Amino acid sequence: MDSISSQVGKKIREYRNRAGLTQENLALSSGINVSFLGDVERGIKKPSIDSLEKLLKALNLSFQDFFDFDAEIIPYKDCSALEKLMLELQNRSNDEVEMIYNIVKNILIFDDRNND
């Protein structure tokens, strides 16, 4: 059985790939050193709770979702647009979700008016 460090690193890599990010992209958006991220993904180094929190925030994941080792990680490229949107919204605040809903609703209303 893989060590916890290896499992954590593998999951970070899988979620990074699902999001279509390079190590450089994820390192930049999370404020983590890219070589450290590479070592974490290979299970060589262990991220601190603070570093893991930064990585998960950049990946739009909660700790609960990340540590659900039974969950299947589906690559974005294999998801429908609606599934991608739901994944992006799952850890957002209610205010953020409401704002995005209103934007989408207004776009659809505008589109309907222009197609009549």
C-alpha atoms as a PDB file:
ATOM      1  CA  MET A   1       0.000   0.000   0.000  1.00  0.00           C
ATOM      2  CA  ASP A   2       1.188   3.486  -0.839  1.00  0.00           C
ATOM      3  CA  SER A   3       2.203   5.847   1.931  1.00  0.00           C
ATOM      4  CA  ILE A   4      -0.077   8.748   2.817  1.00  0.00           C
ATOM      5  CA  SER A   5       2.456  11.117   1.223  1.00  0.00           C
ATOM      6  CA  SER A   6       2.285   9.182  -2.037  1.00  0.00           C
ATOM      7  CA  GLN A   7      -1.520   9.105  -1.962  1.00  0.00           C
ATOM      8  CA  VAL A   8      -1.734  12.851  -1.281  1.00  0.00           C
ATOM      9  CA  GLY A   9       0.747  13.606  -4.056  1.00  0.00           C
ATOM     10  CA  LYS A  10      -1.078  11.361  -6.503  1.00  0.00           C
ATOM     11  CA  LYS A  11      -4.412  13.037  -5.743  1.00  0.00           C
ATOM     12  CA  ILE A  12      -2.928  16.510  -6.172  1.00  0.00           C
ATOM     13  CA  ARG A  13      -1.529  15.438  -9.560  1.00  0.00           C
ATOM     14  CA  GLU A  14      -4.881  13.904 -10.599  1.00  0.00           C
ATOM     15  CA  TYR A  15      -6.860  16.999  -9.618  1.00  0.00           C
ATOM     16  CA  ARG A  16      -4.257  19.253 -11.278  1.00  0.00           C
ATOM     17  CA  ASN A  17      -4.526  17.233 -14.483  1.00  0.00           C
ATOM     18  CA  ARG A  18      -8.320  17.225 -14.275  1.00  0.00           C
ATOM     19  CA  ALA A  19      -8.224  21.010 -14.150  1.00  0.00           C
ATOM     20  CA  GLY A  20      -5.872  21.079 -17.144  1.00  0.00           C
ATOM     21  CA  LEU A  21      -3.114  22.815 -15.192  1.00  0.00           C
ATOM     22  CA  THR A  22       0.622  22.388 -15.452  1.00  0.00           C
ATOM     23  CA  GLN A  23       2.718  22.188 -12.312  1.00  0.00           C
ATOM     24  CA  GLU A  24       3.867  25.726 -13.073  1.00  0.00           C
ATOM     25  CA  ASN A  25       0.258  26.993 -13.333  1.00  0.00           C
ATOM     26  CA  LEU A  26      -0.762  25.386 -10.052  1.00  0.00           C
ATOM     27  CA  ALA A  27       2.400  26.525  -8.279  1.00  0.00           C
ATOM     28  CA  LEU A  28       1.858  30.098  -9.436  1.00  0.00           C
ATOM     29  CA  SER A  29      -1.836  30.216  -8.517  1.00  0.00           C
ATOM     30  CA  SER A  30      -1.218  28.678  -5.091  1.00  0.00           C
ATOM     31  CA  GLY A  31       1.998  30.500  -4.211  1.00  0.00           C
ATOM     32  CA  ILE A  32       3.863  27.197  -3.861  1.00  0.00           C
ATOM     33  CA  ASN A  33       7.358  26.632  -5.254  1.00  0.00           C
ATOM     34  CA  VAL A  34       7.142  24.539  -8.428  1.00  0.00           C
ATOM     35  CA  SER A  35       9.960  22.165  -7.448  1.00  0.00           C
ATOM     36  CA  PHE A  36       8.304  21.632  -4.052  1.00  0.00           C
ATOM     37  CA  LEU A  37       5.016  20.863  -5.828  1.00  0.00           C
ATOM     38  CA  GLY A  38       6.795  18.312  -8.017  1.00  0.00           C
ATOM     39  CA  ASP A  39       8.284  16.655  -4.934  1.00  0.00           C
ATOM     40  CA  VAL A  40       4.859  16.600  -3.242  1.00  0.00           C
ATOM     41  CA  GLU A  41       3.255  15.009  -6.307  1.00  0.00           C
ATOM     42  CA  ARG A  42       5.932  12.298  -6.311  1.00  0.00           C
ATOM     43  CA  GLY A  43       5.466  11.699  -2.567  1.00  0.00           C
ATOM     44  CA  ILE A  44       8.996  12.816  -1.772  1.00  0.00           C
ATOM     45  CA  LYS A  45       7.944  15.780   0.368  1.00  0.00           C
ATOM     46  CA  LYS A  46       4.937  16.307   2.607  1.00  0.00           C
ATOM     47  CA  PRO A  47       3.008  19.555   2.326  1.00  0.00           C
ATOM     48  CA  SER A  48       2.172  21.431   5.509  1.00  0.00           C
ATOM     49  CA  ILE A  49      -1.496  21.997   6.250  1.00  0.00           C
ATOM     50  CA  ASP A  50      -1.041  25.605   5.089  1.00  0.00           C
ATOM     51  CA  SER A  51       0.565  24.513   1.800  1.00  0.00           C
ATOM     52  CA  LEU A  52      -2.111  21.898   1.222  1.00  0.00           C
ATOM     53  CA  GLU A  53      -4.799  24.495   1.915  1.00  0.00           C
ATOM     54  CA  LYS A  54      -3.246  26.820  -0.708  1.00  0.00           C
ATOM     55  CA  LEU A  55      -3.129  24.006  -3.258  1.00  0.00           C
ATOM     56  CA  LEU A  56      -6.709  22.945  -2.602  1.00  0.00           C
ATOM     57  CA  LYS A  57      -7.936  26.525  -2.821  1.00  0.00           C
ATOM     58  CA  ALA A  58      -6.191  26.919  -6.194  1.00  0.00           C
ATOM     59  CA  LEU A  59      -7.835  23.651  -7.310  1.00  0.00           C
ATOM     60  CA  ASN A  60     -11.224  24.785  -5.925  1.00  0.00           C
ATOM     61  CA  LEU A  61     -11.420  21.786  -3.585  1.00  0.00           C
ATOM     62  CA  SER A  62     -12.401  21.405   0.043  1.00  0.00           C
ATOM     63  CA  PHE A  63     -10.401  19.256   2.445  1.00  0.00           C
ATOM     64  CA  GLN A  64     -13.438  16.971   2.691  1.00  0.00           C
ATOM     65  CA  ASP A  65     -13.591  16.433  -1.074  1.00  0.00           C
ATOM     66  CA  PHE A  66      -9.839  15.961  -1.316  1.00  0.00           C
ATOM     67  CA  PHE A  67      -9.658  13.325   1.410  1.00  0.00           C
ATOM     68  CA  ASP A  68     -12.565  11.310   0.006  1.00  0.00           C
ATOM     69  CA  PHE A  69     -10.274   8.581  -1.334  1.00  0.00           C
ATOM     70  CA  ASP A  70     -13.241   6.606  -2.669  1.00  0.00           C
ATOM     71  CA  ALA A  71     -14.330   9.418  -5.016  1.00  0.00           C
ATOM     72  CA  GLU A  72     -13.529   8.980  -8.683  1.00  0.00           C
ATOM     73  CA  ILE A  73     -11.624  11.878 -10.226  1.00  0.00           C
ATOM     74  CA  ILE A  74     -13.066  12.494 -13.686  1.00  0.00           C
ATOM     75  CA  PRO A  75     -10.911  14.601 -16.035  1.00  0.00           C
ATOM     76  CA  TYR A  76     -12.552  17.853 -17.157  1.00  0.00           C
ATOM     77  CA  LYS A  77     -12.190  16.786 -20.770  1.00  0.00           C
ATOM     78  CA  ASP A  78     -14.578  13.897 -20.057  1.00  0.00           C
ATOM     79  CA  CYS A  79     -17.205  16.102 -18.364  1.00  0.00           C
ATOM     80  CA  SER A  80     -20.161  17.869 -19.908  1.00  0.00           C
ATOM     81  CA  ALA A  81     -20.297  21.653 -19.675  1.00  0.00           C
ATOM     82  CA  LEU A  82     -22.918  21.380 -16.931  1.00  0.00           C
ATOM     83  CA  GLU A  83     -20.715  18.971 -14.936  1.00  0.00           C
ATOM     84  CA  LYS A  84     -17.760  21.357 -15.306  1.00  0.00           C
ATOM     85  CA  LEU A  85     -19.880  24.230 -14.049  1.00  0.00           C
ATOM     86  CA  MET A  86     -21.084  22.200 -11.076  1.00  0.00           C
ATOM     87  CA  LEU A  87     -17.502  21.228 -10.212  1.00  0.00           C
ATOM     88  CA  GLU A  88     -16.453  24.866 -10.343  1.00  0.00           C
ATOM     89  CA  LEU A  89     -19.320  25.929  -8.090  1.00  0.00           C
ATOM     90  CA  GLN A  90     -19.195  23.154  -5.505  1.00  0.00           C
ATOM     91  CA  ASN A  91     -16.966  24.950  -2.992  1.00  0.00           C
ATOM     92  CA  ARG A  92     -18.098  28.505  -3.648  1.00  0.00           C
ATOM     93  CA  SER A  93     -20.067  30.548  -1.155  1.00  0.00           C
ATOM     94  CA  ASN A  94     -23.816  30.892  -1.556  1.00  0.00           C
ATOM     95  CA  ASP A  95     -23.323  34.552  -2.484  1.00  0.00           C
ATOM     96  CA  GLU A  96     -20.906  33.611  -5.285  1.00  0.00           C
ATOM     97  CA  VAL A  97     -23.231  30.908  -6.609  1.00  0.00           C
ATOM     98  CA  GLU A  98     -26.189  33.307  -6.515  1.00  0.00           C
ATOM     99  CA  MET A  99     -24.189  35.951  -8.385  1.00  0.00           C
ATOM    100  CA  ILE A 100     -23.167  33.472 -11.091  1.00  0.00           C
ATOM    101  CA  TYR A 101     -26.743  32.196 -11.352  1.00  0.00           C
ATOM    102  CA  ASN A 102     -28.002  35.749 -11.911  1.00  0.00           C
ATOM    103  CA  ILE A 103     -25.356  36.385 -14.580  1.00  0.00           C
ATOM    104  CA  VAL A 104     -26.296  33.198 -16.445  1.00  0.00           C
ATOM    105  CA  LYS A 105     -30.000  33.941 -16.091  1.00  0.00           C
ATOM    106  CA  ASN A 106     -29.537  37.444 -17.543  1.00  0.00           C
ATOM    107  CA  ILE A 107     -27.474  36.092 -20.442  1.00  0.00           C
ATOM    108  CA  LEU A 108     -30.241  33.611 -21.247  1.00  0.00           C
ATOM    109  CA  ILE A 109     -32.926  36.302 -21.051  1.00  0.00           C
ATOM    110  CA  PHE A 110     -30.864  38.543 -23.345  1.00  0.00           C
ATOM    111  CA  ASP A 111     -30.326  35.652 -25.775  1.00  0.00           C
ATOM    112  CA  ASP A 112     -34.044  34.795 -25.793  1.00  0.00           C
ATOM    113  CA  ARG A 113     -34.949  38.411 -26.585  1.00  0.00           C
ATOM    114  CA  ASN A 114     -32.496  38.528 -29.464  1.00  0.00           C
ATOM    115  CA  ASN A 115     -33.764  35.269 -30.955  1.00  0.00           C
ATOM    116  CA  ASP A 116     -37.422  36.365 -31.058  1.00  0.00           C
END
